[in-house]
N, C-alpha and C. Protein backbone atom coordinates (compact mmCIF):
# COMPACT_ATOMS: atom_id res chain seq x y z
N MET A 1 -4.68 13.41 1.38
CA MET A 1 -4.44 14.14 2.59
C MET A 1 -5.20 13.50 3.75
N VAL A 2 -6.51 13.35 3.60
CA VAL A 2 -7.31 12.75 4.66
C VAL A 2 -6.91 11.29 4.84
N SER A 3 -6.65 10.60 3.74
CA SER A 3 -6.29 9.18 3.86
C SER A 3 -4.98 9.02 4.64
N ASN A 4 -4.04 9.95 4.49
CA ASN A 4 -2.80 9.88 5.25
C ASN A 4 -3.06 10.11 6.73
N LEU A 5 -3.88 11.09 7.05
CA LEU A 5 -4.19 11.36 8.46
C LEU A 5 -4.90 10.16 9.10
N VAL A 6 -5.83 9.57 8.37
CA VAL A 6 -6.55 8.40 8.89
C VAL A 6 -5.61 7.21 9.03
N ALA A 7 -4.73 6.99 8.04
CA ALA A 7 -3.78 5.88 8.12
C ALA A 7 -2.86 6.05 9.33
N ASN A 8 -2.40 7.28 9.58
CA ASN A 8 -1.57 7.52 10.77
C ASN A 8 -2.36 7.25 12.04
N ALA A 9 -3.60 7.70 12.08
CA ALA A 9 -4.42 7.49 13.28
C ALA A 9 -4.58 6.00 13.56
N ILE A 10 -4.83 5.23 12.52
CA ILE A 10 -4.99 3.78 12.68
C ILE A 10 -3.66 3.16 13.12
N LYS A 11 -2.57 3.60 12.49
CA LYS A 11 -1.25 3.04 12.78
C LYS A 11 -0.84 3.25 14.24
N PHE A 12 -1.24 4.38 14.84
CA PHE A 12 -0.82 4.70 16.20
C PHE A 12 -1.92 4.50 17.24
N THR A 13 -3.00 3.83 16.85
CA THR A 13 -4.08 3.52 17.80
C THR A 13 -4.09 2.03 18.06
N PRO A 14 -3.93 1.63 19.32
CA PRO A 14 -3.95 0.19 19.63
C PRO A 14 -5.32 -0.43 19.38
N ARG A 15 -5.34 -1.73 19.25
CA ARG A 15 -6.61 -2.45 19.09
C ARG A 15 -7.56 -2.05 20.21
N GLY A 16 -8.82 -1.89 19.85
CA GLY A 16 -9.82 -1.50 20.83
C GLY A 16 -10.00 0.01 20.92
N GLY A 17 -9.07 0.77 20.31
CA GLY A 17 -9.18 2.22 20.29
C GLY A 17 -10.13 2.66 19.19
N SER A 18 -10.24 3.96 19.00
CA SER A 18 -11.15 4.45 17.95
C SER A 18 -10.49 5.57 17.15
N VAL A 19 -10.94 5.68 15.91
CA VAL A 19 -10.54 6.74 15.00
C VAL A 19 -11.82 7.33 14.43
N ARG A 20 -11.92 8.65 14.45
CA ARG A 20 -13.13 9.31 13.97
C ARG A 20 -12.74 10.44 13.01
N VAL A 21 -13.52 10.59 11.95
CA VAL A 21 -13.33 11.68 11.00
C VAL A 21 -14.61 12.50 10.99
N ASP A 22 -14.47 13.79 11.25
CA ASP A 22 -15.60 14.72 11.21
C ASP A 22 -15.35 15.76 10.13
N VAL A 23 -16.35 16.01 9.31
CA VAL A 23 -16.27 17.04 8.28
C VAL A 23 -17.45 17.96 8.46
N ALA A 24 -17.17 19.26 8.50
CA ALA A 24 -18.25 20.23 8.72
C ALA A 24 -17.97 21.51 7.94
N PRO A 25 -19.03 22.16 7.47
CA PRO A 25 -18.83 23.45 6.80
C PRO A 25 -18.50 24.52 7.85
N THR A 26 -17.74 25.50 7.43
CA THR A 26 -17.48 26.68 8.26
C THR A 26 -17.95 27.90 7.48
N THR A 27 -17.90 29.05 8.09
CA THR A 27 -18.34 30.25 7.38
C THR A 27 -17.43 30.58 6.20
N SER A 28 -16.19 30.08 6.24
CA SER A 28 -15.26 30.39 5.15
C SER A 28 -14.81 29.19 4.35
N GLY A 29 -15.34 28.01 4.62
CA GLY A 29 -14.92 26.82 3.88
C GLY A 29 -15.34 25.53 4.57
N ALA A 30 -14.36 24.72 4.93
CA ALA A 30 -14.67 23.42 5.55
C ALA A 30 -13.64 23.11 6.63
N ARG A 31 -14.08 22.30 7.59
CA ARG A 31 -13.21 21.84 8.67
C ARG A 31 -13.24 20.32 8.66
N ILE A 32 -12.05 19.72 8.72
CA ILE A 32 -11.92 18.26 8.77
C ILE A 32 -11.14 17.94 10.04
N ASP A 33 -11.72 17.12 10.90
CA ASP A 33 -11.04 16.67 12.12
C ASP A 33 -10.82 15.18 12.02
N VAL A 34 -9.59 14.74 12.29
CA VAL A 34 -9.27 13.32 12.42
C VAL A 34 -8.83 13.13 13.87
N VAL A 35 -9.64 12.37 14.62
CA VAL A 35 -9.45 12.23 16.05
C VAL A 35 -9.24 10.75 16.37
N ASP A 36 -8.22 10.47 17.20
CA ASP A 36 -7.99 9.08 17.59
C ASP A 36 -7.75 8.98 19.10
N THR A 37 -7.84 7.76 19.59
CA THR A 37 -7.57 7.48 21.00
C THR A 37 -6.25 6.74 21.13
N GLY A 38 -5.32 7.05 20.24
CA GLY A 38 -4.06 6.33 20.17
C GLY A 38 -3.05 6.75 21.22
N ILE A 39 -1.78 6.45 20.94
CA ILE A 39 -0.70 6.65 21.90
C ILE A 39 -0.37 8.12 22.11
N GLY A 40 -0.82 8.99 21.21
CA GLY A 40 -0.57 10.41 21.35
C GLY A 40 0.85 10.81 20.97
N ILE A 41 1.09 12.11 21.01
CA ILE A 41 2.38 12.68 20.63
C ILE A 41 2.85 13.53 21.81
N ASP A 42 4.07 13.32 22.23
CA ASP A 42 4.63 14.10 23.33
C ASP A 42 4.60 15.58 22.95
N ARG A 43 4.19 16.42 23.87
CA ARG A 43 4.05 17.86 23.59
C ARG A 43 5.35 18.50 23.08
N ALA A 44 6.49 18.02 23.54
CA ALA A 44 7.77 18.58 23.09
C ALA A 44 8.02 18.28 21.62
N GLU A 45 7.38 17.25 21.08
CA GLU A 45 7.59 16.88 19.68
C GLU A 45 6.61 17.57 18.73
N LEU A 46 5.54 18.13 19.24
CA LEU A 46 4.50 18.71 18.38
C LEU A 46 5.05 19.74 17.39
N PRO A 47 5.98 20.63 17.77
CA PRO A 47 6.46 21.61 16.79
C PRO A 47 7.21 20.99 15.61
N HIS A 48 7.60 19.72 15.72
CA HIS A 48 8.44 19.10 14.69
C HIS A 48 7.71 18.09 13.80
N ILE A 49 6.49 17.71 14.13
CA ILE A 49 5.88 16.58 13.43
C ILE A 49 5.57 16.84 11.95
N PHE A 50 5.52 18.10 11.53
CA PHE A 50 5.26 18.40 10.12
C PHE A 50 6.55 18.59 9.33
N GLU A 51 7.70 18.37 9.96
CA GLU A 51 8.99 18.48 9.27
C GLU A 51 9.25 17.20 8.48
N ARG A 52 9.89 17.35 7.32
CA ARG A 52 10.22 16.18 6.51
C ARG A 52 11.16 15.25 7.26
N PHE A 53 10.90 13.97 7.15
CA PHE A 53 11.69 12.88 7.73
C PHE A 53 11.65 12.82 9.26
N TYR A 54 10.79 13.63 9.89
CA TYR A 54 10.72 13.58 11.36
C TYR A 54 9.91 12.35 11.77
N ARG A 55 10.47 11.58 12.67
CA ARG A 55 9.77 10.42 13.23
C ARG A 55 9.80 10.58 14.73
N GLY A 56 8.65 10.56 15.34
CA GLY A 56 8.55 10.77 16.78
C GLY A 56 9.25 9.68 17.58
N SER A 57 9.49 9.99 18.84
CA SER A 57 10.20 9.04 19.71
C SER A 57 9.38 7.79 19.98
N ARG A 58 8.06 7.86 19.75
CA ARG A 58 7.22 6.69 19.99
C ARG A 58 6.87 5.97 18.69
N SER A 59 7.56 6.28 17.60
CA SER A 59 7.23 5.67 16.31
C SER A 59 7.44 4.16 16.33
N ASN A 60 8.27 3.66 17.24
CA ASN A 60 8.46 2.22 17.33
C ASN A 60 7.23 1.51 17.89
N GLU A 61 6.26 2.28 18.42
CA GLU A 61 5.03 1.69 18.94
C GLU A 61 3.95 1.59 17.86
N ALA A 62 4.23 2.07 16.68
CA ALA A 62 3.26 2.03 15.58
C ALA A 62 3.12 0.60 15.06
N ARG A 63 1.98 0.35 14.42
CA ARG A 63 1.74 -0.98 13.84
C ARG A 63 2.62 -1.23 12.62
N SER A 64 3.08 -0.19 11.98
CA SER A 64 3.99 -0.32 10.83
C SER A 64 4.89 0.90 10.81
N SER A 65 5.97 0.80 10.05
CA SER A 65 6.93 1.90 10.02
C SER A 65 6.56 2.90 8.93
N GLY A 66 7.24 4.03 8.95
CA GLY A 66 7.01 5.05 7.94
C GLY A 66 8.29 5.80 7.67
N SER A 67 8.25 6.69 6.68
CA SER A 67 9.45 7.42 6.27
C SER A 67 9.57 8.77 6.97
N GLY A 68 8.50 9.23 7.60
CA GLY A 68 8.53 10.56 8.19
C GLY A 68 8.17 11.65 7.20
N LEU A 69 7.63 11.27 6.05
CA LEU A 69 7.25 12.25 5.03
C LEU A 69 5.75 12.56 5.02
N GLY A 70 4.93 11.67 5.54
CA GLY A 70 3.49 11.79 5.40
C GLY A 70 2.91 13.10 5.88
N LEU A 71 3.22 13.51 7.10
CA LEU A 71 2.64 14.75 7.63
C LEU A 71 3.21 15.98 6.93
N ALA A 72 4.46 15.92 6.48
CA ALA A 72 5.02 17.04 5.71
C ALA A 72 4.27 17.19 4.39
N ILE A 73 3.95 16.08 3.76
CA ILE A 73 3.19 16.13 2.50
C ILE A 73 1.78 16.63 2.75
N VAL A 74 1.15 16.16 3.82
CA VAL A 74 -0.20 16.63 4.16
C VAL A 74 -0.18 18.14 4.35
N ARG A 75 0.76 18.65 5.14
CA ARG A 75 0.83 20.10 5.37
C ARG A 75 1.02 20.85 4.05
N SER A 76 1.88 20.32 3.17
CA SER A 76 2.13 20.96 1.89
C SER A 76 0.85 21.03 1.05
N ILE A 77 0.11 19.94 1.00
CA ILE A 77 -1.14 19.91 0.22
C ILE A 77 -2.15 20.90 0.80
N VAL A 78 -2.29 20.89 2.12
CA VAL A 78 -3.24 21.80 2.77
C VAL A 78 -2.87 23.25 2.47
N GLU A 79 -1.60 23.58 2.59
CA GLU A 79 -1.17 24.96 2.35
C GLU A 79 -1.30 25.35 0.88
N MET A 80 -1.09 24.40 -0.04
CA MET A 80 -1.27 24.71 -1.46
C MET A 80 -2.73 25.06 -1.77
N HIS A 81 -3.64 24.55 -0.95
CA HIS A 81 -5.05 24.87 -1.12
C HIS A 81 -5.47 26.07 -0.28
N GLY A 82 -4.52 26.77 0.30
CA GLY A 82 -4.82 27.97 1.09
C GLY A 82 -5.34 27.66 2.48
N GLY A 83 -5.13 26.45 2.97
CA GLY A 83 -5.64 26.06 4.27
C GLY A 83 -4.58 26.00 5.34
N SER A 84 -4.99 25.45 6.48
CA SER A 84 -4.06 25.29 7.60
C SER A 84 -4.34 23.96 8.29
N ILE A 85 -3.33 23.46 9.00
CA ILE A 85 -3.47 22.22 9.75
C ILE A 85 -2.88 22.43 11.13
N THR A 86 -3.59 21.95 12.15
CA THR A 86 -3.10 22.02 13.52
C THR A 86 -3.28 20.66 14.17
N VAL A 87 -2.59 20.47 15.29
CA VAL A 87 -2.70 19.21 16.02
C VAL A 87 -2.79 19.51 17.51
N GLU A 88 -3.62 18.74 18.19
CA GLU A 88 -3.70 18.75 19.64
C GLU A 88 -3.43 17.33 20.09
N SER A 89 -2.47 17.16 21.00
CA SER A 89 -2.13 15.82 21.43
C SER A 89 -1.30 15.87 22.69
N GLY A 90 -1.14 14.74 23.30
CA GLY A 90 -0.26 14.57 24.45
C GLY A 90 0.02 13.08 24.57
N ALA A 91 1.14 12.74 25.16
CA ALA A 91 1.50 11.33 25.31
C ALA A 91 0.40 10.59 26.06
N GLY A 92 -0.10 9.53 25.44
CA GLY A 92 -1.15 8.72 26.04
C GLY A 92 -2.54 9.33 25.97
N ALA A 93 -2.68 10.45 25.29
CA ALA A 93 -3.96 11.16 25.26
C ALA A 93 -4.64 11.17 23.90
N GLY A 94 -4.13 10.43 22.93
CA GLY A 94 -4.72 10.48 21.59
C GLY A 94 -4.35 11.77 20.88
N SER A 95 -4.87 11.94 19.67
CA SER A 95 -4.54 13.12 18.86
C SER A 95 -5.76 13.63 18.12
N ARG A 96 -5.75 14.92 17.84
CA ARG A 96 -6.78 15.56 17.00
C ARG A 96 -6.05 16.42 15.98
N PHE A 97 -6.15 16.04 14.71
CA PHE A 97 -5.63 16.85 13.62
C PHE A 97 -6.80 17.60 13.02
N THR A 98 -6.65 18.92 12.89
CA THR A 98 -7.71 19.76 12.34
C THR A 98 -7.21 20.45 11.08
N VAL A 99 -7.93 20.24 9.99
CA VAL A 99 -7.60 20.88 8.71
C VAL A 99 -8.71 21.89 8.42
N LEU A 100 -8.31 23.13 8.14
CA LEU A 100 -9.26 24.16 7.72
C LEU A 100 -8.95 24.51 6.27
N LEU A 101 -9.95 24.36 5.41
CA LEU A 101 -9.79 24.66 3.99
C LEU A 101 -10.75 25.76 3.59
N PRO A 102 -10.28 26.75 2.82
CA PRO A 102 -11.19 27.81 2.37
C PRO A 102 -12.10 27.32 1.26
N ALA A 103 -13.24 27.97 1.14
CA ALA A 103 -14.14 27.68 0.02
C ALA A 103 -13.49 28.21 -1.25
N TYR A 104 -13.82 27.61 -2.37
CA TYR A 104 -13.30 28.08 -3.64
C TYR A 104 -13.97 29.41 -3.96
N ALA A 105 -13.20 30.45 -4.13
CA ALA A 105 -13.75 31.78 -4.39
C ALA A 105 -14.15 31.92 -5.85
N GLU A 106 -15.31 32.49 -6.06
CA GLU A 106 -15.82 32.81 -7.40
C GLU A 106 -15.69 31.65 -8.37
N ALA A 107 -16.38 30.56 -8.06
CA ALA A 107 -16.36 29.40 -8.94
C ALA A 107 -17.01 29.77 -10.27
N PRO A 108 -16.36 29.48 -11.39
CA PRO A 108 -16.94 29.80 -12.69
C PRO A 108 -18.14 28.89 -12.97
N ALA A 109 -19.03 29.39 -13.81
CA ALA A 109 -20.20 28.59 -14.20
C ALA A 109 -19.73 27.34 -14.93
N LEU A 110 -20.52 26.29 -14.86
CA LEU A 110 -20.13 25.02 -15.49
C LEU A 110 -19.81 25.20 -16.96
N SER A 111 -20.64 25.96 -17.67
CA SER A 111 -20.44 26.07 -19.11
C SER A 111 -19.12 26.76 -19.44
N SER A 112 -18.65 27.65 -18.58
CA SER A 112 -17.39 28.34 -18.88
C SER A 112 -16.17 27.53 -18.49
N ARG A 113 -16.37 26.39 -17.79
CA ARG A 113 -15.22 25.58 -17.38
C ARG A 113 -14.85 24.54 -18.42
N ARG A 114 -15.62 24.42 -19.48
CA ARG A 114 -15.28 23.42 -20.50
C ARG A 114 -14.05 23.89 -21.26
N PRO A 115 -13.09 23.02 -21.43
CA PRO A 115 -11.91 23.42 -22.21
C PRO A 115 -12.27 23.53 -23.68
N PRO A 116 -11.54 24.33 -24.44
CA PRO A 116 -11.83 24.43 -25.88
C PRO A 116 -11.58 23.08 -26.55
N ALA A 117 -12.35 22.84 -27.59
CA ALA A 117 -12.19 21.57 -28.32
C ALA A 117 -10.83 21.56 -29.00
N LEU A 118 -10.17 20.43 -28.91
CA LEU A 118 -8.88 20.28 -29.56
C LEU A 118 -9.07 19.61 -30.91
N PRO A 119 -8.28 20.00 -31.91
CA PRO A 119 -8.41 19.34 -33.22
C PRO A 119 -7.97 17.89 -33.10
N LEU A 120 -8.60 17.05 -33.89
CA LEU A 120 -8.23 15.64 -33.90
C LEU A 120 -6.92 15.47 -34.65
N PRO A 121 -6.08 14.56 -34.21
CA PRO A 121 -4.83 14.32 -34.94
C PRO A 121 -5.14 13.69 -36.28
N PRO A 122 -4.24 13.86 -37.27
CA PRO A 122 -4.49 13.24 -38.58
C PRO A 122 -4.44 11.72 -38.45
N PRO A 123 -5.16 11.05 -39.32
CA PRO A 123 -5.15 9.58 -39.25
C PRO A 123 -3.76 9.05 -39.60
N PRO A 124 -3.42 7.87 -39.12
CA PRO A 124 -2.10 7.30 -39.46
C PRO A 124 -2.04 6.99 -40.94
N PRO A 125 -0.85 6.96 -41.52
CA PRO A 125 -0.73 6.65 -42.95
C PRO A 125 -1.23 5.24 -43.23
N ALA A 126 -1.80 5.10 -44.43
CA ALA A 126 -2.31 3.79 -44.82
C ALA A 126 -1.14 2.82 -44.99
N ARG A 127 -1.34 1.61 -44.55
CA ARG A 127 -0.30 0.59 -44.69
C ARG A 127 -0.74 -0.42 -45.74
N CYS A 128 0.20 -0.80 -46.56
CA CYS A 128 -0.10 -1.82 -47.57
C CYS A 128 -0.02 -3.18 -46.91
N ARG A 129 -0.95 -4.01 -47.23
CA ARG A 129 -0.94 -5.37 -46.70
C ARG A 129 -0.54 -6.30 -47.82
N ARG A 130 0.35 -7.16 -47.54
CA ARG A 130 0.75 -8.17 -48.52
C ARG A 130 -0.07 -9.41 -48.26
N SER A 131 -0.64 -9.88 -49.30
CA SER A 131 -1.36 -11.14 -49.14
C SER A 131 -0.38 -12.28 -49.34
N SER A 132 -0.69 -13.39 -48.76
CA SER A 132 0.22 -14.53 -48.91
C SER A 132 0.15 -15.06 -50.33
N PRO A 133 1.30 -15.40 -50.86
CA PRO A 133 1.30 -15.85 -52.28
C PRO A 133 0.61 -17.20 -52.42
N THR A 134 -0.22 -17.28 -53.44
CA THR A 134 -0.86 -18.55 -53.76
C THR A 134 -0.68 -18.79 -55.25
N ASN A 135 0.16 -19.67 -55.55
CA ASN A 135 0.46 -20.03 -56.94
C ASN A 135 0.78 -18.82 -57.80
N SER A 136 1.55 -17.91 -57.27
CA SER A 136 1.93 -16.77 -58.05
C SER A 136 3.44 -16.78 -58.26
N ALA A 137 3.82 -16.20 -59.34
CA ALA A 137 5.26 -16.16 -59.67
C ALA A 137 5.91 -15.08 -58.85
N PRO A 138 7.19 -15.27 -58.49
CA PRO A 138 7.88 -14.22 -57.72
C PRO A 138 8.03 -12.98 -58.57
N PRO A 139 8.06 -11.84 -57.95
CA PRO A 139 8.21 -10.59 -58.72
C PRO A 139 9.56 -10.53 -59.40
N GLN A 140 9.60 -9.88 -60.61
CA GLN A 140 10.84 -9.79 -61.37
C GLN A 140 11.39 -8.42 -61.36
């Protein structure tokens, strides 16, 4: 998730620009900000950037191409963890993606997280090895 946001920030930030990742605890979990000084996203496109296969009108200015799936996958992962993702941006103004993730509620003690021991599978059947014949008569 973070690697995709950082890769996008790098892809849409011209040489000499900057990309920053900030991680901080919140009262209910954690906040991750990925901030860049890149080409930005037109405000009219912001409602669509998390849609599958959506590629912004300035995607041709990126250092490499993409499928338009990355941000949809990021949003899906964040939401599966009970979090949220927002973006602040404007054309020519860089972007700030903010991910808020909740803390894991009621984490079990380490000893209770061990899975039960599984029985070992039976050993493979024994295989007979034939030795190479040395001056022996063929079997009858």
